[in-house]
Amino acid sequence: MSKYTNRTRGRAWSAIRERQLRRFPLCAHCEAQGLLTEATEVDHRVPLAHGGTDYEDNLQSLCTTCHAKKTLEEQGKRRLWCDASGLPMDDTHPRFK
């Protein structure tokens, strides 16, 4: 049995995603640092694989860079795109626009 059995799929997930991005159009992580970056992805605060749900209180809107960073951190991988201060080194990140 898959560890993602609670995952919402198809039209139901599309509706949840659309509603989340409409209600919270800015990246939550960037916004916490005083940056205004458009969110393009919906993240599970507690991953589904760790018992998280698709309920609104477990979702947050993130930009692609922050979502990738969070996902890698959750998987225990090293952050290669941030400098010692934690700022992105990728000059295409919205922070540099």
PDB file of N, CA and C in Angstrom:
ATOM      1  N   MET A   1       0.841  -1.184   0.000  1.00  0.00           N
ATOM      2  CA  MET A   1       0.000   0.000   0.000  1.00  0.00           C
ATOM      3  C   MET A   1       0.885   1.245   0.000  1.00  0.00           C
ATOM      4  N   SER A   2       0.524   2.231  -0.770  1.00  0.00           N
ATOM      5  CA  SER A   2       1.290   3.466  -0.883  1.00  0.00           C
ATOM      6  C   SER A   2       1.218   4.294   0.392  1.00  0.00           C
ATOM      7  N   LYS A   3       2.314   4.984   0.697  1.00  0.00           N
ATOM      8  CA  LYS A   3       2.300   5.876   1.854  1.00  0.00           C
ATOM      9  C   LYS A   3       1.513   7.145   1.567  1.00  0.00           C
ATOM     10  N   TYR A   4       1.059   7.331   0.333  1.00  0.00           N
ATOM     11  CA  TYR A   4       0.306   8.519  -0.056  1.00  0.00           C
ATOM     12  C   TYR A   4      -1.177   8.226  -0.239  1.00  0.00           C
ATOM     13  N   THR A   5      -1.724   7.291   0.492  1.00  0.00           N
ATOM     14  CA  THR A   5      -3.116   6.904   0.299  1.00  0.00           C
ATOM     15  C   THR A   5      -4.084   8.031   0.623  1.00  0.00           C
ATOM     16  N   ASN A   6      -3.675   9.010   1.434  1.00  0.00           N
ATOM     17  CA  ASN A   6      -4.562  10.125   1.775  1.00  0.00           C
ATOM     18  C   ASN A   6      -4.472  11.274   0.778  1.00  0.00           C
ATOM     19  N   ARG A   7      -3.695  11.106  -0.274  1.00  0.00           N
ATOM     20  CA  ARG A   7      -3.488  12.173  -1.245  1.00  0.00           C
ATOM     21  C   ARG A   7      -4.766  12.415  -2.055  1.00  0.00           C
ATOM     22  N   THR A   8      -5.169  13.679  -2.123  1.00  0.00           N
ATOM     23  CA  THR A   8      -6.296  14.065  -2.967  1.00  0.00           C
ATOM     24  C   THR A   8      -5.767  14.234  -4.383  1.00  0.00           C
ATOM     25  N   ARG A   9      -6.512  13.741  -5.360  1.00  0.00           N
ATOM     26  CA  ARG A   9      -6.035  13.778  -6.744  1.00  0.00           C
ATOM     27  C   ARG A   9      -7.056  14.438  -7.662  1.00  0.00           C
ATOM     28  N   GLY A  10      -6.613  14.652  -8.895  1.00  0.00           N
ATOM     29  CA  GLY A  10      -7.504  15.095  -9.963  1.00  0.00           C
ATOM     30  C   GLY A  10      -8.173  16.430  -9.716  1.00  0.00           C
ATOM     31  N   ARG A  11      -9.443  16.494 -10.074  1.00  0.00           N
ATOM     32  CA  ARG A  11     -10.202  17.743  -9.971  1.00  0.00           C
ATOM     33  C   ARG A  11     -10.300  18.253  -8.545  1.00  0.00           C
ATOM     34  N   ALA A  12     -10.414  17.334  -7.607  1.00  0.00           N
ATOM     35  CA  ALA A  12     -10.534  17.747  -6.201  1.00  0.00           C
ATOM     36  C   ALA A  12      -9.274  18.493  -5.764  1.00  0.00           C
ATOM     37  N   TRP A  13      -8.079  17.949  -6.094  1.00  0.00           N
ATOM     38  CA  TRP A  13      -6.834  18.634  -5.728  1.00  0.00           C
ATOM     39  C   TRP A  13      -6.702  19.946  -6.496  1.00  0.00           C
ATOM     40  N   SER A  14      -7.064  19.945  -7.764  1.00  0.00           N
ATOM     41  CA  SER A  14      -6.995  21.177  -8.558  1.00  0.00           C
ATOM     42  C   SER A  14      -7.831  22.278  -7.930  1.00  0.00           C
ATOM     43  N   ALA A  15      -9.012  21.928  -7.431  1.00  0.00           N
ATOM     44  CA  ALA A  15      -9.887  22.916  -6.791  1.00  0.00           C
ATOM     45  C   ALA A  15      -9.277  23.420  -5.484  1.00  0.00           C
ATOM     46  N   ILE A  16      -8.710  22.514  -4.687  1.00  0.00           N
ATOM     47  CA  ILE A  16      -8.064  22.906  -3.432  1.00  0.00           C
ATOM     48  C   ILE A  16      -6.886  23.831  -3.724  1.00  0.00           C
ATOM     49  N   ARG A  17      -6.066  23.449  -4.695  1.00  0.00           N
ATOM     50  CA  ARG A  17      -4.882  24.231  -5.065  1.00  0.00           C
ATOM     51  C   ARG A  17      -5.275  25.627  -5.538  1.00  0.00           C
ATOM     52  N   GLU A  18      -6.247  25.685  -6.426  1.00  0.00           N
ATOM     53  CA  GLU A  18      -6.703  26.968  -6.961  1.00  0.00           C
ATOM     54  C   GLU A  18      -7.235  27.866  -5.842  1.00  0.00           C
ATOM     55  N   ARG A  19      -8.024  27.302  -4.949  1.00  0.00           N
ATOM     56  CA  ARG A  19      -8.584  28.076  -3.836  1.00  0.00           C
ATOM     57  C   ARG A  19      -7.468  28.595  -2.922  1.00  0.00           C
ATOM     58  N   GLN A  20      -6.493  27.750  -2.618  1.00  0.00           N
ATOM     59  CA  GLN A  20      -5.372  28.148  -1.753  1.00  0.00           C
ATOM     60  C   GLN A  20      -4.585  29.303  -2.375  1.00  0.00           C
ATOM     61  N   LEU A  21      -4.234  29.189  -3.653  1.00  0.00           N
ATOM     62  CA  LEU A  21      -3.443  30.228  -4.308  1.00  0.00           C
ATOM     63  C   LEU A  21      -4.237  31.520  -4.497  1.00  0.00           C
ATOM     64  N   ARG A  22      -5.540  31.413  -4.632  1.00  0.00           N
ATOM     65  CA  ARG A  22      -6.379  32.611  -4.746  1.00  0.00           C
ATOM     66  C   ARG A  22      -6.461  33.328  -3.391  1.00  0.00           C
ATOM     67  N   ARG A  23      -6.616  32.567  -2.321  1.00  0.00           N
ATOM     68  CA  ARG A  23      -6.724  33.161  -0.978  1.00  0.00           C
ATOM     69  C   ARG A  23      -5.378  33.670  -0.467  1.00  0.00           C
ATOM     70  N   PHE A  24      -4.302  32.965  -0.815  1.00  0.00           N
ATOM     71  CA  PHE A  24      -2.959  33.312  -0.332  1.00  0.00           C
ATOM     72  C   PHE A  24      -2.004  33.357  -1.532  1.00  0.00           C
ATOM     73  N   PRO A  25      -2.010  34.461  -2.285  1.00  0.00           N
ATOM     74  CA  PRO A  25      -1.248  34.535  -3.534  1.00  0.00           C
ATOM     75  C   PRO A  25       0.253  34.776  -3.367  1.00  0.00           C
ATOM     76  N   LEU A  26       0.707  35.040  -2.138  1.00  0.00           N
ATOM     77  CA  LEU A  26       2.129  35.306  -1.916  1.00  0.00           C
ATOM     78  C   LEU A  26       2.803  34.130  -1.213  1.00  0.00           C
ATOM     79  N   CYS A  27       4.085  33.956  -1.507  1.00  0.00           N
ATOM     80  CA  CYS A  27       4.876  32.897  -0.876  1.00  0.00           C
ATOM     81  C   CYS A  27       4.987  33.182   0.618  1.00  0.00           C
ATOM     82  N   ALA A  28       4.554  32.237   1.433  1.00  0.00           N
ATOM     83  CA  ALA A  28       4.565  32.408   2.890  1.00  0.00           C
ATOM     84  C   ALA A  28       5.981  32.558   3.434  1.00  0.00           C
ATOM     85  N   HIS A  29       6.943  31.824   2.892  1.00  0.00           N
ATOM     86  CA  HIS A  29       8.319  31.905   3.388  1.00  0.00           C
ATOM     87  C   HIS A  29       8.953  33.239   3.015  1.00  0.00           C
ATOM     88  N   CYS A  30       8.776  33.685   1.781  1.00  0.00           N
ATOM     89  CA  CYS A  30       9.322  34.982   1.364  1.00  0.00           C
ATOM     90  C   CYS A  30       8.661  36.114   2.146  1.00  0.00           C
ATOM     91  N   GLU A  31       7.357  36.023   2.309  1.00  0.00           N
ATOM     92  CA  GLU A  31       6.607  37.055   3.021  1.00  0.00           C
ATOM     93  C   GLU A  31       7.105  37.185   4.466  1.00  0.00           C
ATOM     94  N   ALA A  32       7.470  36.081   5.091  1.00  0.00           N
ATOM     95  CA  ALA A  32       7.986  36.105   6.462  1.00  0.00           C
ATOM     96  C   ALA A  32       9.320  36.852   6.541  1.00  0.00           C
ATOM     97  N   GLN A  33      10.013  36.968   5.405  1.00  0.00           N
ATOM     98  CA  GLN A  33      11.282  37.693   5.339  1.00  0.00           C
ATOM     99  C   GLN A  33      11.094  39.109   4.796  1.00  0.00           C
ATOM    100  N   GLY A  34       9.832  39.520   4.632  1.00  0.00           N
ATOM    101  CA  GLY A  34       9.545  40.858   4.139  1.00  0.00           C
ATOM    102  C   GLY A  34       9.582  40.986   2.631  1.00  0.00           C
ATOM    103  N   LEU A  35       9.570  39.864   1.921  1.00  0.00           N
ATOM    104  CA  LEU A  35       9.609  39.871   0.458  1.00  0.00           C
ATOM    105  C   LEU A  35       8.233  39.560  -0.102  1.00  0.00           C
ATOM    106  N   LEU A  36       7.902  40.185  -1.214  1.00  0.00           N
ATOM    107  CA  LEU A  36       6.625  39.920  -1.876  1.00  0.00           C
ATOM    108  C   LEU A  36       6.899  39.113  -3.136  1.00  0.00           C
ATOM    109  N   THR A  37       6.639  37.816  -3.058  1.00  0.00           N
ATOM    110  CA  THR A  37       6.893  36.896  -4.159  1.00  0.00           C
ATOM    111  C   THR A  37       5.622  36.123  -4.457  1.00  0.00           C
ATOM    112  N   GLU A  38       5.263  36.057  -5.729  1.00  0.00           N
ATOM    113  CA  GLU A  38       4.068  35.311  -6.116  1.00  0.00           C
ATOM    114  C   GLU A  38       4.245  33.828  -5.800  1.00  0.00           C
ATOM    115  N   ALA A  39       3.251  33.259  -5.169  1.00  0.00           N
ATOM    116  CA  ALA A  39       3.242  31.821  -4.892  1.00  0.00           C
ATOM    117  C   ALA A  39       2.758  31.082  -6.132  1.00  0.00           C
ATOM    118  N   THR A  40       3.401  29.984  -6.431  1.00  0.00           N
ATOM    119  CA  THR A  40       3.023  29.175  -7.590  1.00  0.00           C
ATOM    120  C   THR A  40       2.735  27.729  -7.211  1.00  0.00           C
ATOM    121  N   GLU A  41       3.029  27.374  -5.960  1.00  0.00           N
ATOM    122  CA  GLU A  41       2.861  25.990  -5.527  1.00  0.00           C
ATOM    123  C   GLU A  41       2.179  25.936  -4.168  1.00  0.00           C
ATOM    124  N   VAL A  42       1.471  24.850  -3.934  1.00  0.00           N
ATOM    125  CA  VAL A  42       0.815  24.630  -2.644  1.00  0.00           C
ATOM    126  C   VAL A  42       1.576  23.517  -1.931  1.00  0.00           C
ATOM    127  N   ASP A  43       2.000  23.809  -0.721  1.00  0.00           N
ATOM    128  CA  ASP A  43       2.816  22.900   0.077  1.00  0.00           C
ATOM    129  C   ASP A  43       2.031  22.378   1.267  1.00  0.00           C
ATOM    130  N   HIS A  44       2.305  21.147   1.628  1.00  0.00           N
ATOM    131  CA  HIS A  44       1.751  20.567   2.854  1.00  0.00           C
ATOM    132  C   HIS A  44       2.734  20.869   3.979  1.00  0.00           C
ATOM    133  N   ARG A  45       2.302  21.625   4.982  1.00  0.00           N
ATOM    134  CA  ARG A  45       3.179  21.954   6.118  1.00  0.00           C
ATOM    135  C   ARG A  45       3.715  20.666   6.744  1.00  0.00           C
ATOM    136  N   VAL A  46       2.826  19.746   7.028  1.00  0.00           N
ATOM    137  CA  VAL A  46       3.212  18.395   7.454  1.00  0.00           C
ATOM    138  C   VAL A  46       2.996  17.512   6.229  1.00  0.00           C
ATOM    139  N   PRO A  47       4.063  16.941   5.677  1.00  0.00           N
ATOM    140  CA  PRO A  47       3.930  16.135   4.466  1.00  0.00           C
ATOM    141  C   PRO A  47       2.919  14.996   4.633  1.00  0.00           C
ATOM    142  N   LEU A  48       2.268  14.654   3.547  1.00  0.00           N
ATOM    143  CA  LEU A  48       1.317  13.542   3.570  1.00  0.00           C
ATOM    144  C   LEU A  48       1.988  12.263   4.064  1.00  0.00           C
ATOM    145  N   ALA A  49       3.241  12.081   3.683  1.00  0.00           N
ATOM    146  CA  ALA A  49       3.974  10.881   4.087  1.00  0.00           C
ATOM    147  C   ALA A  49       4.203  10.810   5.595  1.00  0.00           C
ATOM    148  N   HIS A  50       4.053  11.955   6.271  1.00  0.00           N
ATOM    149  CA  HIS A  50       4.235  11.999   7.728  1.00  0.00           C
ATOM    150  C   HIS A  50       2.914  12.228   8.445  1.00  0.00           C
ATOM    151  N   GLY A  51       1.812  11.923   7.780  1.00  0.00           N
ATOM    152  CA  GLY A  51       0.504  12.023   8.421  1.00  0.00           C
ATOM    153  C   GLY A  51      -0.237  13.318   8.179  1.00  0.00           C
ATOM    154  N   GLY A  52       0.307  14.198   7.332  1.00  0.00           N
ATOM    155  CA  GLY A  52      -0.367  15.459   7.017  1.00  0.00           C
ATOM    156  C   GLY A  52      -1.631  15.226   6.209  1.00  0.00           C
ATOM    157  N   THR A  53      -2.444  16.264   6.122  1.00  0.00           N
ATOM    158  CA  THR A  53      -3.716  16.175   5.393  1.00  0.00           C
ATOM    159  C   THR A  53      -3.777  17.239   4.306  1.00  0.00           C
ATOM    160  N   ASP A  54      -4.822  17.174   3.511  1.00  0.00           N
ATOM    161  CA  ASP A  54      -5.081  18.193   2.496  1.00  0.00           C
ATOM    162  C   ASP A  54      -5.985  19.296   3.031  1.00  0.00           C
ATOM    163  N   TYR A  55      -6.212  19.321   4.346  1.00  0.00           N
ATOM    164  CA  TYR A  55      -7.053  20.363   4.930  1.00  0.00           C
ATOM    165  C   TYR A  55      -6.324  21.700   4.897  1.00  0.00           C
ATOM    166  N   GLU A  56      -7.105  22.758   4.808  1.00  0.00           N
ATOM    167  CA  GLU A  56      -6.586  24.115   4.663  1.00  0.00           C
ATOM    168  C   GLU A  56      -5.531  24.478   5.712  1.00  0.00           C
ATOM    169  N   ASP A  57      -5.709  24.031   6.942  1.00  0.00           N
ATOM    170  CA  ASP A  57      -4.759  24.406   7.994  1.00  0.00           C
ATOM    171  C   ASP A  57      -3.404  23.708   7.858  1.00  0.00           C
ATOM    172  N   ASN A  58      -3.289  22.766   6.928  1.00  0.00           N
ATOM    173  CA  ASN A  58      -2.015  22.101   6.675  1.00  0.00           C
ATOM    174  C   ASN A  58      -1.393  22.549   5.354  1.00  0.00           C
ATOM    175  N   LEU A  59      -1.974  23.541   4.708  1.00  0.00           N
ATOM    176  CA  LEU A  59      -1.479  23.998   3.412  1.00  0.00           C
ATOM    177  C   LEU A  59      -0.875  25.391   3.524  1.00  0.00           C
ATOM    178  N   GLN A  60       0.134  25.648   2.685  1.00  0.00           N
ATOM    179  CA  GLN A  60       0.680  26.995   2.572  1.00  0.00           C
ATOM    180  C   GLN A  60       1.089  27.225   1.127  1.00  0.00           C
ATOM    181  N   SER A  61       0.992  28.466   0.695  1.00  0.00           N
ATOM    182  CA  SER A  61       1.381  28.851  -0.652  1.00  0.00           C
ATOM    183  C   SER A  61       2.860  29.217  -0.643  1.00  0.00           C
ATOM    184  N   LEU A  62       3.617  28.674  -1.612  1.00  0.00           N
ATOM    185  CA  LEU A  62       5.048  28.944  -1.710  1.00  0.00           C
ATOM    186  C   LEU A  62       5.451  29.214  -3.150  1.00  0.00           C
ATOM    187  N   CYS A  63       6.564  29.931  -3.335  1.00  0.00           N
ATOM    188  CA  CYS A  63       7.149  30.067  -4.669  1.00  0.00           C
ATOM    189  C   CYS A  63       7.902  28.763  -4.967  1.00  0.00           C
ATOM    190  N   THR A  64       8.267  28.557  -6.207  1.00  0.00           N
ATOM    191  CA  THR A  64       8.933  27.318  -6.606  1.00  0.00           C
ATOM    192  C   THR A  64      10.238  27.107  -5.845  1.00  0.00           C
ATOM    193  N   THR A  65      11.032  28.164  -5.691  1.00  0.00           N
ATOM    194  CA  THR A  65      12.321  28.051  -5.005  1.00  0.00           C
ATOM    195  C   THR A  65      12.150  27.641  -3.550  1.00  0.00           C
ATOM    196  N   CYS A  66      11.243  28.297  -2.846  1.00  0.00           N
ATOM    197  CA  CYS A  66      11.030  27.969  -1.429  1.00  0.00           C
ATOM    198  C   CYS A  66      10.443  26.574  -1.258  1.00  0.00           C
ATOM    199  N   HIS A  67       9.568  26.175  -2.173  1.00  0.00           N
ATOM    200  CA  HIS A  67       8.988  24.834  -2.086  1.00  0.00           C
ATOM    201  C   HIS A  67      10.069  23.772  -2.285  1.00  0.00           C
ATOM    202  N   ALA A  68      10.938  23.981  -3.272  1.00  0.00           N
ATOM    203  CA  ALA A  68      12.023  23.026  -3.519  1.00  0.00           C
ATOM    204  C   ALA A  68      12.961  22.964  -2.318  1.00  0.00           C
ATOM    205  N   LYS A  69      13.278  24.118  -1.750  1.00  0.00           N
ATOM    206  CA  LYS A  69      14.159  24.178  -0.581  1.00  0.00           C
ATOM    207  C   LYS A  69      13.547  23.409   0.593  1.00  0.00           C
ATOM    208  N   LYS A  70      12.280  23.640   0.863  1.00  0.00           N
ATOM    209  CA  LYS A  70      11.598  22.972   1.979  1.00  0.00           C
ATOM    210  C   LYS A  70      11.552  21.461   1.750  1.00  0.00           C
ATOM    211  N   THR A  71      11.248  21.063   0.538  1.00  0.00           N
ATOM    212  CA  THR A  71      11.165  19.641   0.215  1.00  0.00           C
ATOM    213  C   THR A  71      12.510  18.951   0.437  1.00  0.00           C
ATOM    214  N   LEU A  72      13.593  19.569  -0.030  1.00  0.00           N
ATOM    215  CA  LEU A  72      14.917  18.973   0.161  1.00  0.00           C
ATOM    216  C   LEU A  72      15.303  18.928   1.635  1.00  0.00           C
ATOM    217  N   GLU A  73      14.964  19.966   2.373  1.00  0.00           N
ATOM    218  CA  GLU A  73      15.259  19.969   3.809  1.00  0.00           C
ATOM    219  C   GLU A  73      14.509  18.838   4.512  1.00  0.00           C
ATOM    220  N   GLU A  74      13.263  18.622   4.117  1.00  0.00           N
ATOM    221  CA  GLU A  74      12.470  17.540   4.707  1.00  0.00           C
ATOM    222  C   GLU A  74      13.073  16.179   4.386  1.00  0.00           C
ATOM    223  N   GLN A  75      13.709  16.083   3.243  1.00  0.00           N
ATOM    224  CA  GLN A  75      14.327  14.822   2.835  1.00  0.00           C
ATOM    225  C   GLN A  75      15.742  14.681   3.393  1.00  0.00           C
ATOM    226  N   GLY A  76      16.201  15.697   4.135  1.00  0.00           N
ATOM    227  CA  GLY A  76      17.517  15.636   4.754  1.00  0.00           C
ATOM    228  C   GLY A  76      18.665  15.929   3.822  1.00  0.00           C
ATOM    229  N   LYS A  77      18.398  16.599   2.720  1.00  0.00           N
ATOM    230  CA  LYS A  77      19.453  16.924   1.768  1.00  0.00           C
ATOM    231  C   LYS A  77      20.041  18.298   2.082  1.00  0.00           C
ATOM    232  N   ARG A  78      21.253  18.504   1.674  1.00  0.00           N
ATOM    233  CA  ARG A  78      21.960  19.756   1.911  1.00  0.00           C
ATOM    234  C   ARG A  78      21.439  20.860   0.998  1.00  0.00           C
ATOM    235  N   ARG A  79      21.352  22.069   1.528  1.00  0.00           N
ATOM    236  CA  ARG A  79      20.921  23.219   0.744  1.00  0.00           C
ATOM    237  C   ARG A  79      22.112  23.766  -0.031  1.00  0.00           C
ATOM    238  N   LEU A  80      22.084  23.642  -1.326  1.00  0.00           N
ATOM    239  CA  LEU A  80      23.195  24.100  -2.147  1.00  0.00           C
ATOM    240  C   LEU A  80      22.940  25.456  -2.787  1.00  0.00           C
ATOM    241  N   TRP A  81      21.741  25.927  -2.763  1.00  0.00           N
ATOM    242  CA  TRP A  81      21.432  27.167  -3.465  1.00  0.00           C
ATOM    243  C   TRP A  81      21.348  28.369  -2.532  1.00  0.00           C
ATOM    244  N   CYS A  82      21.703  28.196  -1.275  1.00  0.00           N
ATOM    245  CA  CYS A  82      21.672  29.305  -0.323  1.00  0.00           C
ATOM    246  C   CYS A  82      23.078  29.582   0.184  1.00  0.00           C
ATOM    247  N   ASP A  83      23.353  30.863   0.409  1.00  0.00           N
ATOM    248  CA  ASP A  83      24.644  31.208   0.995  1.00  0.00           C
ATOM    249  C   ASP A  83      24.588  31.013   2.511  1.00  0.00           C
ATOM    250  N   ALA A  84      25.640  31.401   3.205  1.00  0.00           N
ATOM    251  CA  ALA A  84      25.720  31.178   4.650  1.00  0.00           C
ATOM    252  C   ALA A  84      24.612  31.893   5.416  1.00  0.00           C
ATOM    253  N   SER A  85      24.095  32.981   4.853  1.00  0.00           N
ATOM    254  CA  SER A  85      23.024  33.727   5.523  1.00  0.00           C
ATOM    255  C   SER A  85      21.649  33.122   5.260  1.00  0.00           C
ATOM    256  N   GLY A  86      21.585  32.132   4.370  1.00  0.00           N
ATOM    257  CA  GLY A  86      20.310  31.512   4.038  1.00  0.00           C
ATOM    258  C   GLY A  86      19.619  32.153   2.853  1.00  0.00           C
ATOM    259  N   LEU A  87      20.238  33.180   2.261  1.00  0.00           N
ATOM    260  CA  LEU A  87      19.644  33.838   1.098  1.00  0.00           C
ATOM    261  C   LEU A  87      19.953  33.040  -0.161  1.00  0.00           C
ATOM    262  N   PRO A  88      19.033  33.058  -1.136  1.00  0.00           N
ATOM    263  CA  PRO A  88      19.247  32.290  -2.364  1.00  0.00           C
ATOM    264  C   PRO A  88      20.430  32.817  -3.161  1.00  0.00           C
ATOM    265  N   MET A  89      21.221  31.889  -3.708  1.00  0.00           N
ATOM    266  CA  MET A  89      22.341  32.262  -4.569  1.00  0.00           C
ATOM    267  C   MET A  89      21.907  32.308  -6.031  1.00  0.00           C
ATOM    268  N   ASP A  90      20.768  31.758  -6.333  1.00  0.00           N
ATOM    269  CA  ASP A  90      20.235  31.730  -7.692  1.00  0.00           C
ATOM    270  C   ASP A  90      19.712  33.119  -8.038  1.00  0.00           C
ATOM    271  N   ASP A  91      20.373  33.811  -8.971  1.00  0.00           N
ATOM    272  CA  ASP A  91      19.959  35.179  -9.285  1.00  0.00           C
ATOM    273  C   ASP A  91      18.643  35.251 -10.054  1.00  0.00           C
ATOM    274  N   THR A  92      18.026  34.106 -10.340  1.00  0.00           N
ATOM    275  CA  THR A  92      16.694  34.126 -10.953  1.00  0.00           C
ATOM    276  C   THR A  92      15.597  34.081  -9.897  1.00  0.00           C
ATOM    277  N   HIS A  93      15.974  33.906  -8.622  1.00  0.00           N
ATOM    278  CA  HIS A  93      14.982  33.883  -7.538  1.00  0.00           C
ATOM    279  C   HIS A  93      14.276  35.239  -7.486  1.00  0.00           C
ATOM    280  N   PRO A  94      12.965  35.233  -7.233  1.00  0.00           N
ATOM    281  CA  PRO A  94      12.200  36.487  -7.196  1.00  0.00           C
ATOM    282  C   PRO A  94      12.770  37.534  -6.235  1.00  0.00           C
ATOM    283  N   ARG A  95      13.529  37.130  -5.249  1.00  0.00           N
ATOM    284  CA  ARG A  95      14.115  38.082  -4.315  1.00  0.00           C
ATOM    285  C   ARG A  95      14.996  39.098  -5.035  1.00  0.00           C
ATOM    286  N   PHE A  96      15.604  38.704  -6.151  1.00  0.00           N
ATOM    287  CA  PHE A  96      16.535  39.564  -6.859  1.00  0.00           C
ATOM    288  C   PHE A  96      15.885  40.383  -7.969  1.00  0.00           C
ATOM    289  N   LYS A  97      14.584  40.324  -8.082  1.00  0.00           N
ATOM    290  CA  LYS A  97      13.901  41.083  -9.146  1.00  0.00           C
ATOM    291  C   LYS A  97      13.417  42.399  -8.624  1.00  0.00           C
TER     292      LYS A  97
END
